[in-house]
N, C-alpha and C. Protein backbone atom coordinates (compact mmCIF):
# COMPACT_ATOMS: atom_id res chain seq x y z
N MET A 1 -60.03 141.91 100.90
CA MET A 1 -60.35 143.31 100.94
C MET A 1 -59.73 143.92 102.20
N VAL A 2 -59.17 145.11 102.02
CA VAL A 2 -58.62 145.86 103.16
C VAL A 2 -59.39 147.17 103.25
N LYS A 3 -59.88 147.46 104.46
CA LYS A 3 -60.63 148.69 104.68
C LYS A 3 -60.34 149.18 106.09
N GLU A 4 -60.80 150.40 106.39
CA GLU A 4 -60.61 150.91 107.74
C GLU A 4 -61.30 149.97 108.73
N LEU A 5 -60.61 149.69 109.83
CA LEU A 5 -61.15 148.78 110.83
C LEU A 5 -62.48 149.30 111.34
N PRO A 6 -63.54 148.50 111.23
CA PRO A 6 -64.83 148.95 111.76
C PRO A 6 -64.76 149.11 113.28
N ASN A 7 -65.51 150.06 113.81
CA ASN A 7 -65.59 150.24 115.25
C ASN A 7 -66.53 149.17 115.81
N ASP A 8 -66.02 147.95 115.82
CA ASP A 8 -66.77 146.79 116.25
C ASP A 8 -66.06 146.19 117.45
N PRO A 9 -66.67 146.26 118.63
CA PRO A 9 -65.99 145.78 119.84
C PRO A 9 -65.49 144.34 119.73
N GLY A 10 -66.23 143.49 119.06
CA GLY A 10 -65.79 142.10 118.90
C GLY A 10 -64.53 141.97 118.07
N LEU A 11 -64.46 142.71 116.95
CA LEU A 11 -63.26 142.69 116.12
C LEU A 11 -62.07 143.27 116.86
N ILE A 12 -62.31 144.36 117.56
CA ILE A 12 -61.22 145.01 118.29
C ILE A 12 -60.72 144.10 119.41
N GLU A 13 -61.61 143.43 120.10
CA GLU A 13 -61.21 142.49 121.15
C GLU A 13 -60.40 141.34 120.56
N GLN A 14 -60.81 140.84 119.39
CA GLN A 14 -60.04 139.78 118.72
C GLN A 14 -58.65 140.27 118.35
N LEU A 15 -58.58 141.49 117.83
CA LEU A 15 -57.30 142.07 117.45
C LEU A 15 -56.39 142.25 118.66
N VAL A 16 -56.93 142.73 119.76
CA VAL A 16 -56.15 142.87 121.00
C VAL A 16 -55.61 141.50 121.43
N ALA A 17 -56.44 140.48 121.38
CA ALA A 17 -56.01 139.13 121.78
C ALA A 17 -54.88 138.64 120.87
N TRP A 18 -54.98 138.86 119.56
CA TRP A 18 -53.90 138.45 118.66
C TRP A 18 -52.61 139.18 118.98
N GLN A 19 -52.70 140.50 119.24
CA GLN A 19 -51.51 141.29 119.54
C GLN A 19 -50.84 140.80 120.83
N VAL A 20 -51.64 140.56 121.87
CA VAL A 20 -51.08 140.07 123.13
C VAL A 20 -50.40 138.73 122.91
N ASP A 21 -51.06 137.81 122.21
CA ASP A 21 -50.46 136.49 121.94
C ASP A 21 -49.16 136.61 121.17
N GLU A 22 -49.10 137.54 120.23
CA GLU A 22 -47.92 137.70 119.38
C GLU A 22 -46.74 138.31 120.13
N TYR A 23 -47.00 139.31 120.96
CA TYR A 23 -45.91 140.09 121.54
C TYR A 23 -45.59 139.79 123.00
N VAL A 24 -46.40 139.00 123.67
CA VAL A 24 -46.18 138.79 125.11
C VAL A 24 -44.80 138.20 125.41
N THR A 25 -44.26 137.39 124.52
CA THR A 25 -42.95 136.79 124.79
C THR A 25 -41.80 137.69 124.38
N THR A 26 -41.96 138.48 123.32
CA THR A 26 -40.85 139.31 122.87
C THR A 26 -40.82 140.68 123.53
N ILE A 27 -41.99 141.28 123.75
CA ILE A 27 -42.06 142.59 124.39
C ILE A 27 -43.16 142.53 125.45
N PRO A 28 -42.82 142.00 126.63
CA PRO A 28 -43.84 141.79 127.67
C PRO A 28 -44.59 143.05 128.09
N SER A 29 -43.98 144.22 127.91
CA SER A 29 -44.68 145.44 128.31
C SER A 29 -45.85 145.77 127.38
N TYR A 30 -45.92 145.10 126.24
CA TYR A 30 -47.09 145.25 125.36
C TYR A 30 -48.17 144.29 125.85
N ASP A 31 -48.80 144.68 126.92
CA ASP A 31 -49.83 143.84 127.52
C ASP A 31 -51.21 144.23 126.98
N ARG A 32 -52.23 143.58 127.49
CA ARG A 32 -53.59 143.82 127.02
C ARG A 32 -53.99 145.29 127.17
N ASP A 33 -53.67 145.89 128.31
CA ASP A 33 -54.05 147.29 128.54
C ASP A 33 -53.40 148.23 127.53
N SER A 34 -52.14 147.97 127.17
CA SER A 34 -51.48 148.85 126.20
C SER A 34 -52.13 148.72 124.82
N TRP A 35 -52.54 147.52 124.45
CA TRP A 35 -53.21 147.35 123.16
C TRP A 35 -54.60 147.98 123.16
N VAL A 36 -55.33 147.82 124.24
CA VAL A 36 -56.65 148.46 124.34
C VAL A 36 -56.49 149.98 124.22
N THR A 37 -55.48 150.54 124.90
CA THR A 37 -55.22 151.98 124.81
C THR A 37 -54.92 152.39 123.38
N PHE A 38 -54.10 151.61 122.68
CA PHE A 38 -53.75 151.92 121.29
C PHE A 38 -55.01 151.98 120.43
N TYR A 39 -55.83 150.96 120.50
CA TYR A 39 -57.03 150.95 119.66
C TYR A 39 -58.07 151.97 120.12
N ARG A 40 -58.10 152.30 121.38
CA ARG A 40 -59.00 153.34 121.89
C ARG A 40 -58.61 154.69 121.28
N GLU A 41 -57.30 154.97 121.16
CA GLU A 41 -56.86 156.22 120.53
C GLU A 41 -57.36 156.30 119.09
N TRP A 42 -57.33 155.17 118.40
CA TRP A 42 -57.83 155.16 117.03
C TRP A 42 -59.34 155.43 117.02
N ILE A 43 -60.08 154.76 117.87
CA ILE A 43 -61.53 154.93 117.92
C ILE A 43 -61.90 156.37 118.27
N ASP A 44 -61.15 156.97 119.19
CA ASP A 44 -61.46 158.30 119.68
C ASP A 44 -60.92 159.44 118.83
N ARG A 45 -60.18 159.14 117.79
CA ARG A 45 -59.61 160.22 116.97
C ARG A 45 -60.72 161.06 116.37
N GLY A 46 -60.40 162.31 116.14
CA GLY A 46 -61.37 163.19 115.50
C GLY A 46 -61.53 162.86 114.04
N ALA A 47 -62.70 163.13 113.51
CA ALA A 47 -62.97 162.81 112.12
C ALA A 47 -62.06 163.57 111.15
N ASP A 48 -61.51 164.70 111.60
CA ASP A 48 -60.66 165.49 110.73
C ASP A 48 -59.20 165.07 110.80
N GLN A 49 -58.87 164.13 111.66
CA GLN A 49 -57.48 163.67 111.80
C GLN A 49 -57.25 162.46 110.92
N SER A 50 -56.08 162.41 110.30
CA SER A 50 -55.77 161.27 109.45
C SER A 50 -55.08 160.15 110.21
N LEU A 51 -54.40 160.47 111.31
CA LEU A 51 -53.67 159.45 112.06
C LEU A 51 -54.07 159.48 113.52
N PRO A 52 -54.10 158.37 114.18
CA PRO A 52 -53.76 157.05 113.65
C PRO A 52 -54.85 156.52 112.73
N LEU A 53 -54.42 155.64 111.85
CA LEU A 53 -55.31 155.01 110.90
C LEU A 53 -55.12 153.50 111.05
N VAL A 54 -56.18 152.77 111.25
CA VAL A 54 -56.10 151.31 111.41
C VAL A 54 -56.88 150.66 110.29
N LEU A 55 -56.21 149.80 109.55
CA LEU A 55 -56.83 149.07 108.46
C LEU A 55 -56.99 147.60 108.84
N ALA A 56 -58.02 146.97 108.32
CA ALA A 56 -58.28 145.57 108.60
C ALA A 56 -58.44 144.80 107.30
N GLY A 57 -57.94 143.56 107.32
CA GLY A 57 -58.06 142.70 106.15
C GLY A 57 -59.14 141.66 106.35
N PHE A 58 -59.93 141.46 105.29
CA PHE A 58 -61.01 140.48 105.31
C PHE A 58 -60.92 139.62 104.06
N ASP A 59 -61.14 138.34 104.22
CA ASP A 59 -61.19 137.41 103.10
C ASP A 59 -62.52 136.68 103.17
N ASP A 60 -63.37 136.92 102.19
CA ASP A 60 -64.74 136.38 102.21
C ASP A 60 -65.43 136.69 103.53
N GLY A 61 -65.24 137.91 104.02
CA GLY A 61 -65.87 138.35 105.25
C GLY A 61 -65.16 137.92 106.52
N GLU A 62 -64.11 137.12 106.42
CA GLU A 62 -63.39 136.63 107.59
C GLU A 62 -62.21 137.55 107.90
N PHE A 63 -62.18 138.07 109.11
CA PHE A 63 -61.14 138.98 109.57
C PHE A 63 -59.82 138.22 109.71
N PHE A 64 -58.78 138.67 108.97
CA PHE A 64 -57.52 137.94 109.03
C PHE A 64 -56.35 138.75 109.55
N GLY A 65 -56.46 140.08 109.66
CA GLY A 65 -55.32 140.84 110.15
C GLY A 65 -55.55 142.33 110.09
N SER A 66 -54.51 143.05 110.55
CA SER A 66 -54.63 144.49 110.66
C SER A 66 -53.25 145.14 110.56
N VAL A 67 -53.27 146.41 110.20
CA VAL A 67 -52.06 147.24 110.16
C VAL A 67 -52.48 148.67 110.45
N ALA A 68 -51.57 149.43 111.04
CA ALA A 68 -51.87 150.83 111.38
C ALA A 68 -50.80 151.75 110.81
N ILE A 69 -51.19 153.00 110.64
CA ILE A 69 -50.26 154.09 110.37
C ILE A 69 -50.42 155.06 111.54
N VAL A 70 -49.31 155.34 112.22
CA VAL A 70 -49.34 156.21 113.39
C VAL A 70 -48.28 157.29 113.25
N ALA A 71 -48.47 158.39 113.96
CA ALA A 71 -47.49 159.47 113.93
C ALA A 71 -46.27 159.14 114.77
N ASP A 72 -46.48 158.42 115.89
CA ASP A 72 -45.41 158.11 116.83
C ASP A 72 -45.56 156.66 117.26
N ASP A 73 -44.49 155.89 117.18
CA ASP A 73 -44.58 154.47 117.51
C ASP A 73 -43.80 154.09 118.77
N ASP A 74 -43.89 154.92 119.80
CA ASP A 74 -43.35 154.61 121.13
C ASP A 74 -41.83 154.57 121.21
N LEU A 75 -41.13 154.74 120.13
CA LEU A 75 -39.68 154.61 120.14
C LEU A 75 -39.04 155.88 120.67
N PRO A 76 -38.28 155.80 121.78
CA PRO A 76 -37.64 157.00 122.33
C PRO A 76 -36.59 157.55 121.37
N ASP A 77 -36.37 158.84 121.42
CA ASP A 77 -35.35 159.50 120.61
C ASP A 77 -35.50 159.20 119.12
N ALA A 78 -36.73 159.23 118.64
CA ALA A 78 -36.97 158.92 117.24
C ALA A 78 -37.87 159.95 116.57
N ALA A 79 -37.82 161.18 117.05
CA ALA A 79 -38.68 162.23 116.50
C ALA A 79 -38.39 162.50 115.03
N GLN A 80 -37.18 162.16 114.57
CA GLN A 80 -36.82 162.39 113.17
C GLN A 80 -37.55 161.43 112.23
N TRP A 81 -38.13 160.37 112.79
CA TRP A 81 -38.82 159.39 111.97
C TRP A 81 -40.32 159.45 112.24
N THR A 82 -41.05 159.85 111.26
CA THR A 82 -42.51 159.85 111.34
C THR A 82 -43.06 159.96 109.93
N PRO A 83 -44.17 159.38 109.65
CA PRO A 83 -45.01 158.47 110.42
C PRO A 83 -44.49 157.04 110.35
N TRP A 84 -45.27 156.13 110.95
CA TRP A 84 -44.87 154.74 111.14
C TRP A 84 -45.95 153.76 110.68
N ILE A 85 -45.51 152.65 110.13
CA ILE A 85 -46.35 151.46 110.02
C ILE A 85 -46.24 150.80 111.39
N ALA A 86 -47.36 150.41 111.97
CA ALA A 86 -47.33 149.84 113.32
C ALA A 86 -48.37 148.74 113.47
N SER A 87 -48.14 147.90 114.44
CA SER A 87 -49.13 146.92 114.89
C SER A 87 -49.64 146.01 113.79
N MET A 88 -48.77 145.70 112.81
CA MET A 88 -49.21 144.80 111.76
C MET A 88 -49.26 143.38 112.30
N ILE A 89 -50.37 142.72 112.05
CA ILE A 89 -50.52 141.34 112.49
C ILE A 89 -51.43 140.60 111.53
N VAL A 90 -51.06 139.34 111.28
CA VAL A 90 -51.88 138.45 110.48
C VAL A 90 -52.18 137.23 111.34
N ARG A 91 -53.43 136.86 111.36
CA ARG A 91 -53.86 135.69 112.12
C ARG A 91 -53.00 134.49 111.71
N PRO A 92 -52.50 133.72 112.66
CA PRO A 92 -51.56 132.63 112.34
C PRO A 92 -52.00 131.68 111.23
N ASP A 93 -53.27 131.32 111.17
CA ASP A 93 -53.70 130.38 110.14
C ASP A 93 -53.83 131.02 108.75
N PHE A 94 -53.60 132.32 108.65
CA PHE A 94 -53.60 133.01 107.36
C PHE A 94 -52.19 133.41 106.92
N ARG A 95 -51.18 133.09 107.72
CA ARG A 95 -49.81 133.48 107.38
C ARG A 95 -49.25 132.60 106.26
N GLY A 96 -48.25 133.16 105.57
CA GLY A 96 -47.61 132.43 104.49
C GLY A 96 -48.43 132.41 103.21
N GLN A 97 -49.43 133.26 103.11
CA GLN A 97 -50.31 133.31 101.94
C GLN A 97 -50.31 134.68 101.27
N GLY A 98 -49.37 135.54 101.64
CA GLY A 98 -49.29 136.87 101.06
C GLY A 98 -50.20 137.90 101.71
N ARG A 99 -50.85 137.53 102.80
CA ARG A 99 -51.78 138.45 103.45
C ARG A 99 -51.07 139.63 104.11
N GLY A 100 -49.90 139.38 104.70
CA GLY A 100 -49.14 140.47 105.31
C GLY A 100 -48.74 141.50 104.28
N GLN A 101 -48.27 141.04 103.14
CA GLN A 101 -47.90 141.98 102.07
C GLN A 101 -49.13 142.71 101.55
N HIS A 102 -50.25 142.03 101.48
CA HIS A 102 -51.50 142.67 101.04
C HIS A 102 -51.88 143.80 102.00
N LEU A 103 -51.81 143.54 103.31
CA LEU A 103 -52.10 144.58 104.30
C LEU A 103 -51.11 145.73 104.17
N LEU A 104 -49.83 145.39 104.08
CA LEU A 104 -48.79 146.42 103.98
C LEU A 104 -48.97 147.27 102.73
N ASP A 105 -49.22 146.64 101.60
CA ASP A 105 -49.43 147.39 100.35
C ASP A 105 -50.62 148.35 100.48
N ALA A 106 -51.69 147.90 101.12
CA ALA A 106 -52.86 148.76 101.31
C ALA A 106 -52.52 149.95 102.20
N ALA A 107 -51.73 149.70 103.26
CA ALA A 107 -51.33 150.80 104.15
C ALA A 107 -50.43 151.79 103.42
N LEU A 108 -49.51 151.29 102.61
CA LEU A 108 -48.63 152.19 101.86
C LEU A 108 -49.44 153.03 100.86
N GLN A 109 -50.42 152.41 100.21
CA GLN A 109 -51.26 153.18 99.30
C GLN A 109 -52.07 154.23 100.05
N ARG A 110 -52.60 153.86 101.20
CA ARG A 110 -53.34 154.84 102.00
C ARG A 110 -52.41 155.98 102.41
N GLY A 111 -51.18 155.65 102.77
CA GLY A 111 -50.20 156.68 103.10
C GLY A 111 -49.99 157.63 101.93
N ARG A 112 -49.81 157.09 100.73
CA ARG A 112 -49.68 157.95 99.54
C ARG A 112 -50.90 158.83 99.38
N ASP A 113 -52.08 158.24 99.58
CA ASP A 113 -53.33 158.97 99.40
C ASP A 113 -53.45 160.17 100.33
N ILE A 114 -52.85 160.10 101.51
CA ILE A 114 -52.94 161.21 102.46
C ILE A 114 -51.67 162.07 102.46
N GLY A 115 -50.80 161.86 101.46
CA GLY A 115 -49.66 162.74 101.27
C GLY A 115 -48.37 162.36 101.97
N ILE A 116 -48.26 161.16 102.47
CA ILE A 116 -47.01 160.70 103.10
C ILE A 116 -46.02 160.36 102.00
N THR A 117 -44.79 160.81 102.13
CA THR A 117 -43.77 160.51 101.13
C THR A 117 -42.71 159.51 101.62
N LYS A 118 -42.56 159.38 102.92
CA LYS A 118 -41.63 158.41 103.50
C LYS A 118 -42.24 157.90 104.79
N ILE A 119 -42.15 156.59 105.00
CA ILE A 119 -42.76 155.98 106.17
C ILE A 119 -41.76 155.03 106.83
N HIS A 120 -41.96 154.76 108.10
CA HIS A 120 -41.00 153.98 108.87
C HIS A 120 -41.70 152.83 109.59
N LEU A 121 -40.91 151.91 110.07
CA LEU A 121 -41.39 150.85 110.94
C LEU A 121 -40.21 150.34 111.74
N TRP A 122 -40.52 149.60 112.77
CA TRP A 122 -39.47 148.84 113.44
C TRP A 122 -39.95 147.42 113.58
N THR A 123 -38.99 146.52 113.55
CA THR A 123 -39.29 145.10 113.64
C THR A 123 -38.25 144.43 114.51
N GLU A 124 -38.70 143.45 115.26
CA GLU A 124 -37.75 142.74 116.10
C GLU A 124 -37.24 141.46 115.43
N HIS A 125 -37.86 141.02 114.33
CA HIS A 125 -37.38 139.79 113.70
C HIS A 125 -37.79 139.60 112.23
N ARG A 126 -38.29 140.62 111.59
CA ARG A 126 -38.73 140.45 110.20
C ARG A 126 -37.99 141.38 109.22
N GLU A 127 -36.78 141.82 109.58
CA GLU A 127 -36.07 142.76 108.71
C GLU A 127 -35.77 142.17 107.33
N ALA A 128 -35.50 140.87 107.22
CA ALA A 128 -35.21 140.27 105.91
C ALA A 128 -36.45 140.33 105.01
N TRP A 129 -37.62 140.08 105.57
CA TRP A 129 -38.87 140.13 104.80
C TRP A 129 -39.11 141.55 104.29
N TYR A 130 -38.98 142.54 105.18
CA TYR A 130 -39.20 143.93 104.77
C TYR A 130 -38.14 144.37 103.75
N SER A 131 -36.89 143.94 103.92
CA SER A 131 -35.84 144.29 102.96
C SER A 131 -36.18 143.76 101.57
N ARG A 132 -36.70 142.55 101.49
CA ARG A 132 -37.09 141.99 100.18
C ARG A 132 -38.18 142.83 99.52
N LEU A 133 -38.96 143.52 100.34
CA LEU A 133 -40.04 144.36 99.80
C LEU A 133 -39.59 145.79 99.51
N GLY A 134 -38.30 146.06 99.69
CA GLY A 134 -37.76 147.38 99.34
C GLY A 134 -37.54 148.33 100.49
N TRP A 135 -37.73 147.87 101.71
CA TRP A 135 -37.49 148.72 102.88
C TRP A 135 -35.99 148.83 103.15
N ALA A 136 -35.55 150.01 103.58
CA ALA A 136 -34.13 150.26 103.88
C ALA A 136 -33.92 150.30 105.40
N ILE A 137 -32.81 149.74 105.83
CA ILE A 137 -32.47 149.78 107.25
C ILE A 137 -31.95 151.17 107.60
N GLU A 138 -32.52 151.76 108.63
CA GLU A 138 -32.09 153.06 109.14
C GLU A 138 -31.13 152.89 110.32
N GLU A 139 -31.47 151.96 111.21
CA GLU A 139 -30.71 151.83 112.45
C GLU A 139 -31.09 150.55 113.17
N GLU A 140 -30.13 150.01 113.89
CA GLU A 140 -30.41 148.90 114.80
C GLU A 140 -30.21 149.42 116.21
N ARG A 141 -31.12 149.07 117.10
CA ARG A 141 -31.07 149.56 118.47
C ARG A 141 -31.86 148.62 119.37
N GLU A 142 -31.96 148.98 120.64
CA GLU A 142 -32.78 148.22 121.58
C GLU A 142 -34.00 149.04 121.95
N PHE A 143 -35.11 148.34 122.13
CA PHE A 143 -36.34 148.96 122.58
C PHE A 143 -36.95 148.06 123.65
N ARG A 144 -37.08 148.60 124.85
CA ARG A 144 -37.62 147.84 125.98
C ARG A 144 -36.89 146.51 126.17
N GLY A 145 -35.56 146.57 125.98
CA GLY A 145 -34.72 145.39 126.19
C GLY A 145 -34.69 144.40 125.04
N VAL A 146 -35.31 144.76 123.90
CA VAL A 146 -35.39 143.86 122.75
C VAL A 146 -34.63 144.49 121.58
N PRO A 147 -33.74 143.74 120.91
CA PRO A 147 -33.07 144.28 119.72
C PRO A 147 -34.09 144.48 118.59
N ILE A 148 -34.07 145.65 117.97
CA ILE A 148 -34.98 145.95 116.87
C ILE A 148 -34.21 146.59 115.72
N THR A 149 -34.84 146.60 114.55
CA THR A 149 -34.31 147.27 113.37
C THR A 149 -35.33 148.31 112.94
N VAL A 150 -34.89 149.56 112.81
CA VAL A 150 -35.74 150.64 112.30
C VAL A 150 -35.53 150.69 110.79
N MET A 151 -36.63 150.73 110.04
CA MET A 151 -36.56 150.70 108.58
C MET A 151 -37.42 151.82 108.00
N SER A 152 -37.16 152.15 106.73
CA SER A 152 -37.94 153.19 106.06
C SER A 152 -38.26 152.77 104.63
N PHE A 153 -39.29 153.43 104.08
CA PHE A 153 -39.73 153.14 102.72
C PHE A 153 -40.17 154.44 102.06
N GLU A 154 -39.66 154.71 100.88
CA GLU A 154 -40.03 155.90 100.12
C GLU A 154 -41.33 155.63 99.37
N LEU A 155 -42.31 156.50 99.53
CA LEU A 155 -43.61 156.32 98.90
C LEU A 155 -43.78 157.10 97.60
N ASN A 156 -42.72 157.67 97.09
CA ASN A 156 -42.82 158.45 95.84
C ASN A 156 -43.16 157.57 94.67
């Protein structure tokens, strides 16, 4: 089941820890404080705002991952691309079981539900996986010293 991430400090702390573990080697500037700030923005959003939106995946009540839809994903000179899939992560022991695609599909459906027609993401090493799912490459560039690929997906 995928639903909006509950405002549960324990779940959010677990999510922050997963994000830090995942990105500390590839993008060191994504430290614990930056992840806490990201999730705090989601918690503090007004009830009338649709973004950012953070979804969480659960299997038999066990938290296995998360994905977000955000208006801006920190990428400089990228105002032409919005909104974004961001911060997708699947707990390592749940990977390779289709959980990432399940989270992504739920986020894309939520995007359709709120009127998004085209969505973007950037990845530092999963462009082949996203391409197999129908994502198109927009551009290759560097972000914080790391080569990334910007991709898009039509939600029509």
